[in-house]
Amino acid sequence: MLKKTILMFTILYLITLISFYFFQEKIIFQSKTYSKNYNYSFNANFEEINLKTKDGAFINGILFKVKNPKGIILYFHGNKGSLKRWGNLCLPLTGYGYDVFVIDYRGYGKSKGLRTETIMYNDVQFCYEYLLKSYDENSIIVYGRSLGGTFATYVASKNKPKLLILEATFNNMIDVMSNNLPILPYAYLLKYKFETSQLISKVNVPTIIFHGNKDRLISIDLSKKLYEKSNKKYTKFIELNGATHHNIGKFKKYKNTLIANLK
């Protein structure tokens, strides 16, 4: 009986391991896709932008415009949905007097092309360089939410934006997965490691990390690990008491911090 139980457990474990390896992209990237003719609708002045990459792929983005902008916020969204959702979620940032440019990663919304971790890093740098054609670098703020925190940190590690803002993000994907399902050897299985903590150690611009202590999706401990790898000379860690993964923007401490720093 014991041998049968062990055998069944082993078989189930192997099935879980193999399933995760082959379906990890669907777990990590929970995207919505749209045809190229889909029309976005936002209650704001916006322009849809399509950028063609060097390898022939397309990155679709939305540029929200304000009168007499102080600069622009380059916004990298989380792992779920598309611009249809994230456009509305990042739109309030225009209230601080900045244009906002938000993109869909490859495989999201209308964005198309082969996706790897390296390619995604190249894409976000490409988008930053696109903004440099129209905005001074000292007026560009890079903002990353959840998964987008890795891309925002990558851009800040390679450039000198005015400010890096991270919301509800993490130190690396291995720890994210281990916190949620601690039974698989993710260090060997993951094709996307997203080592944000390695990237942030190379960031030498003002940085703000927001995280709620009631976040059940990405533990605040992962942001604290990220903070420990950052340059303390530039970095502020803002813990929001009672905030979850989805409601940080409603907290007065969050808003007051942005008012003080988005001058």
Foldseek 3Di string as FASTA:
>chain_A
DVVVVVVVVVVVLVVVLVVCLVCVCCVQAAADEDEPPDDADDPADKDWDWDQDPVGWIKIKIKGDDPPALAEEEEEEGRHYACSPVVVVCVCVCVLRHIYMYIGFDPHYHTHDDDAQVVRLVVLLVVVVVRVVPTPQQSYEYEYAALRLLSSLSNQLVDEHQEYEYEAYFQWPVVLVCLVPVPYPCVPRDRGTSRSLVSQLSGDHAYEYEYECAEPNRHVVRVVSSVVSHDVVRYDYHYDYPDYSPCPVVDPVVVVVCSVRND
